[in-house]
PDB file of N, CA and C in Angstrom:
ATOM      1  N   MET A   1       0.833  -1.179   0.000  1.00  0.00           N
ATOM      2  CA  MET A   1       0.000   0.000   0.000  1.00  0.00           C
ATOM      3  C   MET A   1       0.876   1.240   0.000  1.00  0.00           C
ATOM      4  N   SER A   2       0.531   2.154  -0.819  1.00  0.00           N
ATOM      5  CA  SER A   2       1.276   3.406  -0.862  1.00  0.00           C
ATOM      6  C   SER A   2       0.397   4.523  -0.317  1.00  0.00           C
ATOM      7  N   ALA A   3       1.021   5.412   0.409  1.00  0.00           N
ATOM      8  CA  ALA A   3       0.288   6.534   0.983  1.00  0.00           C
ATOM      9  C   ALA A   3       0.019   7.563  -0.103  1.00  0.00           C
ATOM     10  N   SER A   4      -1.175   8.111  -0.069  1.00  0.00           N
ATOM     11  CA  SER A   4      -1.502   9.130  -1.059  1.00  0.00           C
ATOM     12  C   SER A   4      -0.798  10.431  -0.690  1.00  0.00           C
ATOM     13  N   PRO A   5      -0.332  11.177  -1.686  1.00  0.00           N
ATOM     14  CA  PRO A   5       0.361  12.431  -1.374  1.00  0.00           C
ATOM     15  C   PRO A   5      -0.614  13.448  -0.783  1.00  0.00           C
ATOM     16  N   LEU A   6      -0.072  14.315   0.023  1.00  0.00           N
ATOM     17  CA  LEU A   6      -0.869  15.349   0.665  1.00  0.00           C
ATOM     18  C   LEU A   6      -1.158  16.455  -0.340  1.00  0.00           C
ATOM     19  N   SER A   7      -2.416  16.740  -0.549  1.00  0.00           N
ATOM     20  CA  SER A   7      -2.781  17.796  -1.497  1.00  0.00           C
ATOM     21  C   SER A   7      -2.876  19.124  -0.752  1.00  0.00           C
ATOM     22  N   PRO A   8      -2.746  20.242  -1.459  1.00  0.00           N
ATOM     23  CA  PRO A   8      -2.833  21.552  -0.804  1.00  0.00           C
ATOM     24  C   PRO A   8      -4.180  21.802  -0.127  1.00  0.00           C
ATOM     25  N   GLU A   9      -5.224  21.153  -0.594  1.00  0.00           N
ATOM     26  CA  GLU A   9      -6.533  21.349   0.018  1.00  0.00           C
ATOM     27  C   GLU A   9      -6.620  20.671   1.377  1.00  0.00           C
ATOM     28  N   ASP A  10      -5.762  19.674   1.620  1.00  0.00           N
ATOM     29  CA  ASP A  10      -5.784  18.949   2.889  1.00  0.00           C
ATOM     30  C   ASP A  10      -5.132  19.729   4.023  1.00  0.00           C
ATOM     31  N   ILE A  11      -4.333  20.728   3.699  1.00  0.00           N
ATOM     32  CA  ILE A  11      -3.626  21.514   4.715  1.00  0.00           C
ATOM     33  C   ILE A  11      -4.564  22.595   5.234  1.00  0.00           C
ATOM     34  N   SER A  12      -4.655  22.721   6.549  1.00  0.00           N
ATOM     35  CA  SER A  12      -5.578  23.704   7.138  1.00  0.00           C
ATOM     36  C   SER A  12      -5.075  25.127   6.874  1.00  0.00           C
ATOM     37  N   PRO A  13      -5.992  26.091   6.798  1.00  0.00           N
ATOM     38  CA  PRO A  13      -5.589  27.486   6.541  1.00  0.00           C
ATOM     39  C   PRO A  13      -4.693  28.052   7.638  1.00  0.00           C
ATOM     40  N   GLU A  14      -4.859  27.590   8.884  1.00  0.00           N
ATOM     41  CA  GLU A  14      -4.020  28.090   9.973  1.00  0.00           C
ATOM     42  C   GLU A  14      -2.564  27.672   9.783  1.00  0.00           C
ATOM     43  N   VAL A  15      -2.358  26.444   9.318  1.00  0.00           N
ATOM     44  CA  VAL A  15      -0.993  25.967   9.082  1.00  0.00           C
ATOM     45  C   VAL A  15      -0.369  26.739   7.923  1.00  0.00           C
ATOM     46  N   LYS A  16      -1.151  26.979   6.880  1.00  0.00           N
ATOM     47  CA  LYS A  16      -0.638  27.755   5.738  1.00  0.00           C
ATOM     48  C   LYS A  16      -0.262  29.166   6.178  1.00  0.00           C
ATOM     49  N   GLN A  17      -1.143  29.788   6.969  1.00  0.00           N
ATOM     50  CA  GLN A  17      -0.886  31.150   7.428  1.00  0.00           C
ATOM     51  C   GLN A  17       0.353  31.189   8.322  1.00  0.00           C
ATOM     52  N   GLY A  18       0.500  30.218   9.211  1.00  0.00           N
ATOM     53  CA  GLY A  18       1.668  30.175  10.094  1.00  0.00           C
ATOM     54  C   GLY A  18       2.956  29.962   9.324  1.00  0.00           C
ATOM     55  N   ALA A  19       2.910  29.086   8.326  1.00  0.00           N
ATOM     56  CA  ALA A  19       4.107  28.833   7.519  1.00  0.00           C
ATOM     57  C   ALA A  19       4.494  30.078   6.728  1.00  0.00           C
ATOM     58  N   LEU A  20       3.513  30.762   6.156  1.00  0.00           N
ATOM     59  CA  LEU A  20       3.798  31.977   5.397  1.00  0.00           C
ATOM     60  C   LEU A  20       4.334  33.074   6.310  1.00  0.00           C
ATOM     61  N   ALA A  21       3.730  33.226   7.484  1.00  0.00           N
ATOM     62  CA  ALA A  21       4.200  34.245   8.429  1.00  0.00           C
ATOM     63  C   ALA A  21       5.629  33.941   8.869  1.00  0.00           C
ATOM     64  N   GLY A  22       5.920  32.679   9.163  1.00  0.00           N
ATOM     65  CA  GLY A  22       7.276  32.310   9.564  1.00  0.00           C
ATOM     66  C   GLY A  22       8.294  32.573   8.475  1.00  0.00           C
ATOM     67  N   LEU A  23       7.928  32.250   7.247  1.00  0.00           N
ATOM     68  CA  LEU A  23       8.829  32.490   6.114  1.00  0.00           C
ATOM     69  C   LEU A  23       9.082  33.981   5.926  1.00  0.00           C
ATOM     70  N   LEU A  24       8.019  34.790   6.010  1.00  0.00           N
ATOM     71  CA  LEU A  24       8.190  36.236   5.852  1.00  0.00           C
ATOM     72  C   LEU A  24       9.013  36.829   6.996  1.00  0.00           C
ATOM     73  N   GLY A  25       8.810  36.322   8.211  1.00  0.00           N
ATOM     74  CA  GLY A  25       9.609  36.792   9.349  1.00  0.00           C
ATOM     75  C   GLY A  25      11.074  36.458   9.190  1.00  0.00           C
ATOM     76  N   MET A  26      11.345  35.245   8.725  1.00  0.00           N
ATOM     77  CA  MET A  26      12.743  34.848   8.502  1.00  0.00           C
ATOM     78  C   MET A  26      13.371  35.684   7.392  1.00  0.00           C
ATOM     79  N   MET A  27      12.595  36.012   6.378  1.00  0.00           N
ATOM     80  CA  MET A  27      13.121  36.853   5.300  1.00  0.00           C
ATOM     81  C   MET A  27      13.437  38.251   5.820  1.00  0.00           C
ATOM     82  N   GLY A  28      12.564  38.782   6.702  1.00  0.00           N
ATOM     83  CA  GLY A  28      12.831  40.093   7.299  1.00  0.00           C
ATOM     84  C   GLY A  28      14.112  40.094   8.121  1.00  0.00           C
ATOM     85  N   MET A  29      14.315  39.023   8.896  1.00  0.00           N
ATOM     86  CA  MET A  29      15.533  38.936   9.701  1.00  0.00           C
ATOM     87  C   MET A  29      16.756  38.711   8.810  1.00  0.00           C
ATOM     88  N   ALA A  30      16.598  37.977   7.718  1.00  0.00           N
ATOM     89  CA  ALA A  30      17.716  37.765   6.797  1.00  0.00           C
ATOM     90  C   ALA A  30      18.184  39.092   6.219  1.00  0.00           C
ATOM     91  N   VAL A  31      17.244  39.977   5.915  1.00  0.00           N
ATOM     92  CA  VAL A  31      17.607  41.315   5.421  1.00  0.00           C
ATOM     93  C   VAL A  31      18.393  42.061   6.491  1.00  0.00           C
ATOM     94  N   LYS A  32      17.924  41.974   7.741  1.00  0.00           N
ATOM     95  CA  LYS A  32      18.622  42.661   8.824  1.00  0.00           C
ATOM     96  C   LYS A  32      20.027  42.095   9.021  1.00  0.00           C
ATOM     97  N   ILE A  33      20.168  40.774   8.920  1.00  0.00           N
ATOM     98  CA  ILE A  33      21.479  40.145   9.076  1.00  0.00           C
ATOM     99  C   ILE A  33      22.415  40.569   7.950  1.00  0.00           C
ATOM    100  N   ILE A  34      21.900  40.630   6.736  1.00  0.00           N
ATOM    101  CA  ILE A  34      22.723  41.035   5.591  1.00  0.00           C
ATOM    102  C   ILE A  34      23.179  42.483   5.723  1.00  0.00           C
ATOM    103  N   LEU A  35      22.308  43.352   6.247  1.00  0.00           N
ATOM    104  CA  LEU A  35      22.623  44.778   6.324  1.00  0.00           C
ATOM    105  C   LEU A  35      23.492  45.154   7.521  1.00  0.00           C
ATOM    106  N   THR A  36      23.684  44.254   8.468  1.00  0.00           N
ATOM    107  CA  THR A  36      24.465  44.592   9.653  1.00  0.00           C
ATOM    108  C   THR A  36      25.962  44.423   9.398  1.00  0.00           C
ATOM    109  N   ASP A  37      26.743  45.197  10.144  1.00  0.00           N
ATOM    110  CA  ASP A  37      28.200  45.090  10.068  1.00  0.00           C
ATOM    111  C   ASP A  37      28.735  44.161  11.144  1.00  0.00           C
ATOM    112  N   GLU A  38      27.861  43.696  12.029  1.00  0.00           N
ATOM    113  CA  GLU A  38      28.267  42.850  13.139  1.00  0.00           C
ATOM    114  C   GLU A  38      28.691  41.467  12.639  1.00  0.00           C
ATOM    115  N   LYS A  39      29.769  40.942  13.196  1.00  0.00           N
ATOM    116  CA  LYS A  39      30.220  39.590  12.848  1.00  0.00           C
ATOM    117  C   LYS A  39      29.354  38.596  13.612  1.00  0.00           C
ATOM    118  N   LEU A  40      28.721  37.690  12.889  1.00  0.00           N
ATOM    119  CA  LEU A  40      27.834  36.710  13.496  1.00  0.00           C
ATOM    120  C   LEU A  40      28.312  35.300  13.180  1.00  0.00           C
ATOM    121  N   THR A  41      28.199  34.436  14.172  1.00  0.00           N
ATOM    122  CA  THR A  41      28.508  33.033  13.941  1.00  0.00           C
ATOM    123  C   THR A  41      27.292  32.359  13.311  1.00  0.00           C
ATOM    124  N   VAL A  42      27.469  31.174  12.808  1.00  0.00           N
ATOM    125  CA  VAL A  42      26.366  30.441  12.197  1.00  0.00           C
ATOM    126  C   VAL A  42      25.278  30.171  13.230  1.00  0.00           C
ATOM    127  N   GLY A  43      25.678  29.871  14.451  1.00  0.00           N
ATOM    128  CA  GLY A  43      24.711  29.624  15.518  1.00  0.00           C
ATOM    129  C   GLY A  43      23.857  30.838  15.816  1.00  0.00           C
ATOM    130  N   LYS A  44      24.488  32.029  15.864  1.00  0.00           N
ATOM    131  CA  LYS A  44      23.727  33.255  16.112  1.00  0.00           C
ATOM    132  C   LYS A  44      22.780  33.561  14.955  1.00  0.00           C
ATOM    133  N   VAL A  45      23.222  33.312  13.734  1.00  0.00           N
ATOM    134  CA  VAL A  45      22.364  33.550  12.577  1.00  0.00           C
ATOM    135  C   VAL A  45      21.142  32.637  12.633  1.00  0.00           C
ATOM    136  N   LEU A  46      21.362  31.352  12.910  1.00  0.00           N
ATOM    137  CA  LEU A  46      20.245  30.417  12.985  1.00  0.00           C
ATOM    138  C   LEU A  46      19.311  30.747  14.142  1.00  0.00           C
ATOM    139  N   THR A  47      19.877  31.169  15.274  1.00  0.00           N
ATOM    140  CA  THR A  47      19.050  31.560  16.415  1.00  0.00           C
ATOM    141  C   THR A  47      18.190  32.764  16.082  1.00  0.00           C
ATOM    142  N   ARG A  48      18.788  33.757  15.441  1.00  0.00           N
ATOM    143  CA  ARG A  48      18.025  34.960  15.080  1.00  0.00           C
ATOM    144  C   ARG A  48      16.937  34.641  14.066  1.00  0.00           C
ATOM    145  N   LEU A  49      17.235  33.763  13.126  1.00  0.00           N
ATOM    146  CA  LEU A  49      16.211  33.371  12.156  1.00  0.00           C
ATOM    147  C   LEU A  49      15.057  32.630  12.834  1.00  0.00           C
ATOM    148  N   PHE A  50      15.388  31.767  13.786  1.00  0.00           N
ATOM    149  CA  PHE A  50      14.344  31.030  14.503  1.00  0.00           C
ATOM    150  C   PHE A  50      13.490  31.978  15.341  1.00  0.00           C
ATOM    151  N   VAL A  51      14.128  32.918  16.048  1.00  0.00           N
ATOM    152  CA  VAL A  51      13.387  33.888  16.859  1.00  0.00           C
ATOM    153  C   VAL A  51      12.486  34.733  15.959  1.00  0.00           C
ATOM    154  N   ALA A  52      12.989  35.140  14.815  1.00  0.00           N
ATOM    155  CA  ALA A  52      12.179  35.924  13.877  1.00  0.00           C
ATOM    156  C   ALA A  52      10.977  35.126  13.398  1.00  0.00           C
ATOM    157  N   MET A  53      11.178  33.845  13.135  1.00  0.00           N
ATOM    158  CA  MET A  53      10.070  33.004  12.690  1.00  0.00           C
ATOM    159  C   MET A  53       9.001  32.907  13.777  1.00  0.00           C
ATOM    160  N   VAL A  54       9.413  32.677  15.007  1.00  0.00           N
ATOM    161  CA  VAL A  54       8.453  32.534  16.101  1.00  0.00           C
ATOM    162  C   VAL A  54       7.693  33.833  16.334  1.00  0.00           C
ATOM    163  N   VAL A  55       8.398  34.959  16.368  1.00  0.00           N
ATOM    164  CA  VAL A  55       7.751  36.252  16.592  1.00  0.00           C
ATOM    165  C   VAL A  55       6.778  36.565  15.456  1.00  0.00           C
ATOM    166  N   ALA A  56       7.167  36.286  14.223  1.00  0.00           N
ATOM    167  CA  ALA A  56       6.290  36.573  13.086  1.00  0.00           C
ATOM    168  C   ALA A  56       5.045  35.699  13.111  1.00  0.00           C
ATOM    169  N   VAL A  57       5.196  34.433  13.466  1.00  0.00           N
ATOM    170  CA  VAL A  57       4.037  33.541  13.532  1.00  0.00           C
ATOM    171  C   VAL A  57       3.079  34.006  14.627  1.00  0.00           C
ATOM    172  N   LEU A  58       3.610  34.314  15.804  1.00  0.00           N
ATOM    173  CA  LEU A  58       2.761  34.755  16.905  1.00  0.00           C
ATOM    174  C   LEU A  58       2.083  36.084  16.601  1.00  0.00           C
ATOM    175  N   SER A  59       2.816  37.026  16.048  1.00  0.00           N
ATOM    176  CA  SER A  59       2.204  38.314  15.719  1.00  0.00           C
ATOM    177  C   SER A  59       1.223  38.176  14.561  1.00  0.00           C
ATOM    178  N   GLY A  60       1.508  37.264  13.635  1.00  0.00           N
ATOM    179  CA  GLY A  60       0.574  37.035  12.528  1.00  0.00           C
ATOM    180  C   GLY A  60      -0.759  36.509  13.009  1.00  0.00           C
ATOM    181  N   PHE A  61      -0.719  35.561  13.948  1.00  0.00           N
ATOM    182  CA  PHE A  61      -1.978  35.048  14.494  1.00  0.00           C
ATOM    183  C   PHE A  61      -2.680  36.098  15.350  1.00  0.00           C
ATOM    184  N   ALA A  62      -1.908  36.927  16.066  1.00  0.00           N
ATOM    185  CA  ALA A  62      -2.504  37.961  16.904  1.00  0.00           C
ATOM    186  C   ALA A  62      -3.154  39.062  16.064  1.00  0.00           C
ATOM    187  N   LEU A  63      -2.541  39.395  14.940  1.00  0.00           N
ATOM    188  CA  LEU A  63      -3.059  40.490  14.107  1.00  0.00           C
ATOM    189  C   LEU A  63      -4.097  40.039  13.095  1.00  0.00           C
ATOM    190  N   ASP A  64      -4.281  38.753  12.933  1.00  0.00           N
ATOM    191  CA  ASP A  64      -5.181  38.231  11.898  1.00  0.00           C
ATOM    192  C   ASP A  64      -6.603  38.752  12.049  1.00  0.00           C
ATOM    193  N   GLY A  65      -7.091  38.877  13.260  1.00  0.00           N
ATOM    194  CA  GLY A  65      -8.454  39.358  13.476  1.00  0.00           C
ATOM    195  C   GLY A  65      -8.602  40.858  13.283  1.00  0.00           C
ATOM    196  N   TYR A  66      -7.493  41.600  13.347  1.00  0.00           N
ATOM    197  CA  TYR A  66      -7.553  43.052  13.253  1.00  0.00           C
ATOM    198  C   TYR A  66      -7.264  43.575  11.851  1.00  0.00           C
ATOM    199  N   ILE A  67      -6.394  42.915  11.128  1.00  0.00           N
ATOM    200  CA  ILE A  67      -5.983  43.357   9.795  1.00  0.00           C
ATOM    201  C   ILE A  67      -6.705  42.484   8.770  1.00  0.00           C
ATOM    202  N   GLU A  68      -7.564  43.089   7.976  1.00  0.00           N
ATOM    203  CA  GLU A  68      -8.322  42.304   7.007  1.00  0.00           C
ATOM    204  C   GLU A  68      -7.614  42.190   5.664  1.00  0.00           C
ATOM    205  N   ASN A  69      -6.765  43.148   5.336  1.00  0.00           N
ATOM    206  CA  ASN A  69      -6.033  43.114   4.080  1.00  0.00           C
ATOM    207  C   ASN A  69      -4.849  42.158   4.231  1.00  0.00           C
ATOM    208  N   LYS A  70      -4.840  41.069   3.468  1.00  0.00           N
ATOM    209  CA  LYS A  70      -3.801  40.041   3.603  1.00  0.00           C
ATOM    210  C   LYS A  70      -2.416  40.571   3.260  1.00  0.00           C
ATOM    211  N   LYS A  71      -2.321  41.463   2.282  1.00  0.00           N
ATOM    212  CA  LYS A  71      -1.009  42.001   1.912  1.00  0.00           C
ATOM    213  C   LYS A  71      -0.427  42.843   3.047  1.00  0.00           C
ATOM    214  N   MET A  72      -1.292  43.584   3.738  1.00  0.00           N
ATOM    215  CA  MET A  72      -0.830  44.367   4.878  1.00  0.00           C
ATOM    216  C   MET A  72      -0.389  43.440   6.015  1.00  0.00           C
ATOM    217  N   LEU A  73      -1.121  42.351   6.208  1.00  0.00           N
ATOM    218  CA  LEU A  73      -0.743  41.374   7.227  1.00  0.00           C
ATOM    219  C   LEU A  73       0.599  40.746   6.896  1.00  0.00           C
ATOM    220  N   TRP A  74       0.828  40.439   5.631  1.00  0.00           N
ATOM    221  CA  TRP A  74       2.119  39.870   5.218  1.00  0.00           C
ATOM    222  C   TRP A  74       3.249  40.864   5.450  1.00  0.00           C
ATOM    223  N   ALA A  75       2.995  42.132   5.145  1.00  0.00           N
ATOM    224  CA  ALA A  75       4.013  43.156   5.379  1.00  0.00           C
ATOM    225  C   ALA A  75       4.332  43.266   6.869  1.00  0.00           C
ATOM    226  N   LEU A  76       3.311  43.205   7.711  1.00  0.00           N
ATOM    227  CA  LEU A  76       3.540  43.267   9.157  1.00  0.00           C
ATOM    228  C   LEU A  76       4.256  42.025   9.670  1.00  0.00           C
ATOM    229  N   ASN A  77       4.017  40.873   9.047  1.00  0.00           N
ATOM    230  CA  ASN A  77       4.752  39.665   9.427  1.00  0.00           C
ATOM    231  C   ASN A  77       6.236  39.831   9.128  1.00  0.00           C
ATOM    232  N   GLY A  78       6.561  40.369   7.961  1.00  0.00           N
ATOM    233  CA  GLY A  78       7.964  40.620   7.619  1.00  0.00           C
ATOM    234  C   GLY A  78       8.595  41.649   8.539  1.00  0.00           C
ATOM    235  N   LEU A  79       7.836  42.697   8.861  1.00  0.00           N
ATOM    236  CA  LEU A  79       8.344  43.730   9.762  1.00  0.00           C
ATOM    237  C   LEU A  79       8.567  43.179  11.163  1.00  0.00           C
ATOM    238  N   SER A  80       7.658  42.343  11.630  1.00  0.00           N
ATOM    239  CA  SER A  80       7.842  41.769  12.970  1.00  0.00           C
ATOM    240  C   SER A  80       9.046  40.832  12.989  1.00  0.00           C
ATOM    241  N   GLY A  81       9.323  40.159  11.888  1.00  0.00           N
ATOM    242  CA  GLY A  81      10.539  39.346  11.816  1.00  0.00           C
ATOM    243  C   GLY A  81      11.783  40.207  11.843  1.00  0.00           C
ATOM    244  N   TYR A  82      11.729  41.336  11.141  1.00  0.00           N
ATOM    245  CA  TYR A  82      12.860  42.269  11.125  1.00  0.00           C
ATOM    246  C   TYR A  82      13.115  42.826  12.525  1.00  0.00           C
ATOM    247  N   MET A  83      12.043  43.098  13.264  1.00  0.00           N
ATOM    248  CA  MET A  83      12.144  43.704  14.591  1.00  0.00           C
ATOM    249  C   MET A  83      12.072  42.658  15.706  1.00  0.00           C
ATOM    250  N   ALA A  84      12.290  41.390  15.399  1.00  0.00           N
ATOM    251  CA  ALA A  84      12.086  40.309  16.364  1.00  0.00           C
ATOM    252  C   ALA A  84      12.945  40.463  17.613  1.00  0.00           C
ATOM    253  N   LEU A  85      14.180  40.876  17.472  1.00  0.00           N
ATOM    254  CA  LEU A  85      15.045  41.008  18.643  1.00  0.00           C
ATOM    255  C   LEU A  85      14.552  42.104  19.573  1.00  0.00           C
ATOM    256  N   GLU A  86      14.079  43.212  18.998  1.00  0.00           N
ATOM    257  CA  GLU A  86      13.544  44.300  19.802  1.00  0.00           C
ATOM    258  C   GLU A  86      12.234  43.895  20.467  1.00  0.00           C
ATOM    259  N   VAL A  87      11.381  43.170  19.731  1.00  0.00           N
ATOM    260  CA  VAL A  87      10.107  42.698  20.290  1.00  0.00           C
ATOM    261  C   VAL A  87      10.380  41.738  21.441  1.00  0.00           C
ATOM    262  N   THR A  88      11.334  40.854  21.269  1.00  0.00           N
ATOM    263  CA  THR A  88      11.680  39.891  22.318  1.00  0.00           C
ATOM    264  C   THR A  88      12.243  40.603  23.541  1.00  0.00           C
ATOM    265  N   ALA A  89      13.089  41.607  23.338  1.00  0.00           N
ATOM    266  CA  ALA A  89      13.648  42.361  24.468  1.00  0.00           C
ATOM    267  C   ALA A  89      12.543  43.109  25.211  1.00  0.00           C
ATOM    268  N   TRP A  90      11.588  43.684  24.473  1.00  0.00           N
ATOM    269  CA  TRP A  90      10.464  44.373  25.097  1.00  0.00           C
ATOM    270  C   TRP A  90       9.626  43.402  25.927  1.00  0.00           C
ATOM    271  N   ALA A  91       9.302  42.244  25.353  1.00  0.00           N
ATOM    272  CA  ALA A  91       8.489  41.255  26.065  1.00  0.00           C
ATOM    273  C   ALA A  91       9.218  40.758  27.308  1.00  0.00           C
ATOM    274  N   GLU A  92      10.531  40.572  27.196  1.00  0.00           N
ATOM    275  CA  GLU A  92      11.314  40.140  28.346  1.00  0.00           C
ATOM    276  C   GLU A  92      11.274  41.189  29.454  1.00  0.00           C
ATOM    277  N   GLY A  93      11.374  42.457  29.089  1.00  0.00           N
ATOM    278  CA  GLY A  93      11.305  43.535  30.082  1.00  0.00           C
ATOM    279  C   GLY A  93       9.953  43.608  30.764  1.00  0.00           C
ATOM    280  N   VAL A  94       8.878  43.421  29.988  1.00  0.00           N
ATOM    281  CA  VAL A  94       7.533  43.445  30.560  1.00  0.00           C
ATOM    282  C   VAL A  94       7.351  42.294  31.539  1.00  0.00           C
ATOM    283  N   VAL A  95       7.786  41.105  31.148  1.00  0.00           N
ATOM    284  CA  VAL A  95       7.648  39.934  32.020  1.00  0.00           C
ATOM    285  C   VAL A  95       8.477  40.117  33.294  1.00  0.00           C
ATOM    286  N   LYS A  96       9.699  40.625  33.157  1.00  0.00           N
ATOM    287  CA  LYS A  96      10.537  40.848  34.336  1.00  0.00           C
ATOM    288  C   LYS A  96       9.906  41.882  35.266  1.00  0.00           C
ATOM    289  N   ALA A  97       9.333  42.941  34.695  1.00  0.00           N
ATOM    290  CA  ALA A  97       8.695  43.968  35.521  1.00  0.00           C
ATOM    291  C   ALA A  97       7.494  43.394  36.258  1.00  0.00           C
ATOM    292  N   ARG A  98       6.701  42.597  35.566  1.00  0.00           N
ATOM    293  CA  ARG A  98       5.539  41.976  36.217  1.00  0.00           C
ATOM    294  C   ARG A  98       5.988  41.016  37.305  1.00  0.00           C
ATOM    295  N   LEU A  99       7.000  40.195  36.992  1.00  0.00           N
ATOM    296  CA  LEU A  99       7.468  39.229  37.972  1.00  0.00           C
ATOM    297  C   LEU A  99       8.115  39.919  39.166  1.00  0.00           C
ATOM    298  N   SER A 100       8.859  40.995  38.920  1.00  0.00           N
ATOM    299  CA  SER A 100       9.480  41.695  40.045  1.00  0.00           C
ATOM    300  C   SER A 100       8.413  42.379  40.887  1.00  0.00           C
ATOM    301  N   GLY A 101       7.327  42.838  40.259  1.00  0.00           N
ATOM    302  CA  GLY A 101       6.221  43.421  41.015  1.00  0.00           C
ATOM    303  C   GLY A 101       5.574  42.389  41.917  1.00  0.00           C
ATOM    304  N   GLU A 102       5.354  41.192  41.399  1.00  0.00           N
ATOM    305  CA  GLU A 102       4.797  40.117  42.212  1.00  0.00           C
ATOM    306  C   GLU A 102       5.784  39.703  43.293  1.00  0.00           C
ATOM    307  N   LEU A 103       7.058  39.643  42.941  1.00  0.00           N
ATOM    308  CA  LEU A 103       8.082  39.276  43.916  1.00  0.00           C
ATOM    309  C   LEU A 103       8.159  40.318  45.021  1.00  0.00           C
ATOM    310  N   ASN A 104       8.038  41.601  44.647  1.00  0.00           N
ATOM    311  CA  ASN A 104       8.071  42.665  45.655  1.00  0.00           C
ATOM    312  C   ASN A 104       6.908  42.524  46.634  1.00  0.00           C
ATOM    313  N   LYS A 105       5.731  42.169  46.132  1.00  0.00           N
ATOM    314  CA  LYS A 105       4.576  41.989  47.009  1.00  0.00           C
ATOM    315  C   LYS A 105       4.831  40.861  48.008  1.00  0.00           C
ATOM    316  N   VAL A 106       5.383  39.766  47.523  1.00  0.00           N
ATOM    317  CA  VAL A 106       5.665  38.624  48.402  1.00  0.00           C
ATOM    318  C   VAL A 106       6.734  38.992  49.418  1.00  0.00           C
ATOM    319  N   GLN A 107       7.772  39.710  48.959  1.00  0.00           N
ATOM    320  CA  GLN A 107       8.842  40.095  49.867  1.00  0.00           C
ATOM    321  C   GLN A 107       8.346  41.076  50.927  1.00  0.00           C
ATOM    322  N   LYS A 108       7.469  42.008  50.549  1.00  0.00           N
ATOM    323  CA  LYS A 108       6.930  42.962  51.525  1.00  0.00           C
ATOM    324  C   LYS A 108       6.091  42.239  52.567  1.00  0.00           C
ATOM    325  N   SER A 109       5.279  41.281  52.123  1.00  0.00           N
ATOM    326  CA  SER A 109       4.442  40.555  53.071  1.00  0.00           C
ATOM    327  C   SER A 109       5.288  39.693  54.010  1.00  0.00           C
ATOM    328  N   ALA A 110       6.475  39.282  53.549  1.00  0.00           N
ATOM    329  CA  ALA A 110       7.362  38.476  54.385  1.00  0.00           C
ATOM    330  C   ALA A 110       8.275  39.344  55.242  1.00  0.00           C
ATOM    331  N   GLY A 111       8.212  40.664  55.078  1.00  0.00           N
ATOM    332  CA  GLY A 111       9.048  41.573  55.858  1.00  0.00           C
ATOM    333  C   GLY A 111      10.448  41.728  55.303  1.00  0.00           C
ATOM    334  N   LEU A 112      10.669  41.366  54.038  1.00  0.00           N
ATOM    335  CA  LEU A 112      11.981  41.498  53.413  1.00  0.00           C
ATOM    336  C   LEU A 112      12.043  42.771  52.591  1.00  0.00           C
ATOM    337  N   LYS A 113      13.260  43.217  52.318  1.00  0.00           N
ATOM    338  CA  LYS A 113      13.444  44.410  51.489  1.00  0.00           C
ATOM    339  C   LYS A 113      13.241  44.034  50.022  1.00  0.00           C
ATOM    340  N   PRO A 114      12.334  44.740  49.305  1.00  0.00           N
ATOM    341  CA  PRO A 114      12.088  44.400  47.894  1.00  0.00           C
ATOM    342  C   PRO A 114      13.295  44.702  47.015  1.00  0.00           C
ATOM    343  N   ALA A 115      13.484  43.858  46.018  1.00  0.00           N
ATOM    344  CA  ALA A 115      14.578  44.054  45.065  1.00  0.00           C
ATOM    345  C   ALA A 115      14.192  45.153  44.082  1.00  0.00           C
ATOM    346  N   LYS A 116      15.184  45.900  43.625  1.00  0.00           N
ATOM    347  CA  LYS A 116      14.934  46.949  42.638  1.00  0.00           C
ATOM    348  C   LYS A 116      15.092  46.375  41.245  1.00  0.00           C
ATOM    349  N   PHE A 117      14.206  46.772  40.347  1.00  0.00           N
ATOM    350  CA  PHE A 117      14.247  46.322  38.961  1.00  0.00           C
ATOM    351  C   PHE A 117      15.305  47.111  38.213  1.00  0.00           C
ATOM    352  N   LYS A 118      16.218  46.409  37.536  1.00  0.00           N
ATOM    353  CA  LYS A 118      17.275  47.046  36.758  1.00  0.00           C
ATOM    354  C   LYS A 118      17.032  46.737  35.288  1.00  0.00           C
ATOM    355  N   PRO A 119      16.548  47.708  34.514  1.00  0.00           N
ATOM    356  CA  PRO A 119      16.314  47.436  33.091  1.00  0.00           C
ATOM    357  C   PRO A 119      17.616  47.287  32.340  1.00  0.00           C
ATOM    358  N   ARG A 120      17.584  46.421  31.343  1.00  0.00           N
ATOM    359  CA  ARG A 120      18.762  46.237  30.495  1.00  0.00           C
ATOM    360  C   ARG A 120      18.719  47.263  29.373  1.00  0.00           C
ATOM    361  N   GLY A 121      19.868  47.564  28.852  1.00  0.00           N
ATOM    362  CA  GLY A 121      19.914  48.501  27.741  1.00  0.00           C
ATOM    363  C   GLY A 121      20.868  49.633  28.051  1.00  0.00           C
ATOM    364  N   ALA A 122      20.699  50.717  27.321  1.00  0.00           N
ATOM    365  CA  ALA A 122      21.585  51.859  27.467  1.00  0.00           C
ATOM    366  C   ALA A 122      21.345  52.537  28.804  1.00  0.00           C
ATOM    367  N   LYS A 123      22.437  52.869  29.473  1.00  0.00           N
ATOM    368  CA  LYS A 123      22.336  53.566  30.747  1.00  0.00           C
ATOM    369  C   LYS A 123      22.165  55.056  30.470  1.00  0.00           C
ATOM    370  N   PRO A 124      21.371  55.732  31.284  1.00  0.00           N
ATOM    371  CA  PRO A 124      21.205  57.180  31.063  1.00  0.00           C
ATOM    372  C   PRO A 124      22.509  57.920  31.346  1.00  0.00           C
ATOM    373  N   LYS A 125      22.737  58.957  30.585  1.00  0.00           N
ATOM    374  CA  LYS A 125      23.963  59.739  30.760  1.00  0.00           C
ATOM    375  C   LYS A 125      23.821  60.637  31.982  1.00  0.00           C
ATOM    376  N   ALA A 126      24.944  60.862  32.646  1.00  0.00           N
ATOM    377  CA  ALA A 126      24.953  61.710  33.834  1.00  0.00           C
ATOM    378  C   ALA A 126      24.774  63.164  33.416  1.00  0.00           C
ATOM    379  N   ARG A 127      23.987  63.883  34.221  1.00  0.00           N
ATOM    380  CA  ARG A 127      23.787  65.309  33.941  1.00  0.00           C
ATOM    381  C   ARG A 127      24.975  66.106  34.422  1.00  0.00           C
ATOM    382  N   ARG A 128      25.264  67.162  33.720  1.00  0.00           N
ATOM    383  CA  ARG A 128      26.396  68.008  34.104  1.00  0.00           C
ATOM    384  C   ARG A 128      25.920  69.347  34.545  1.00  0.00           C
TER     385      ARG A 128
END
């Protein structure tokens, strides 16, 4: 017995949309990698491409209900892939702030000194 080949009609629209969003996100990150002067190892390139794919797929599914024009959605998928590192850093900061807020509440109730949140990124310049 031979298995019948999978036809395009058998693939669900969600899988098609996710695959297209991931591809567009990876293409956006590939453009960013090509345009950068930073020396990257193969591992960093593959990691950045994977992160771009994940961010583009997630943002594509999140924006699908709001953006009705498919071409605009595709453009936003590519843009989210291009900006994947910044989006990931923002999400990490939000999660850390929320977690430190919850941690501060627990520490206050236990009578401990709350930890201060230290954001990552550029430090503010000293005033003169």
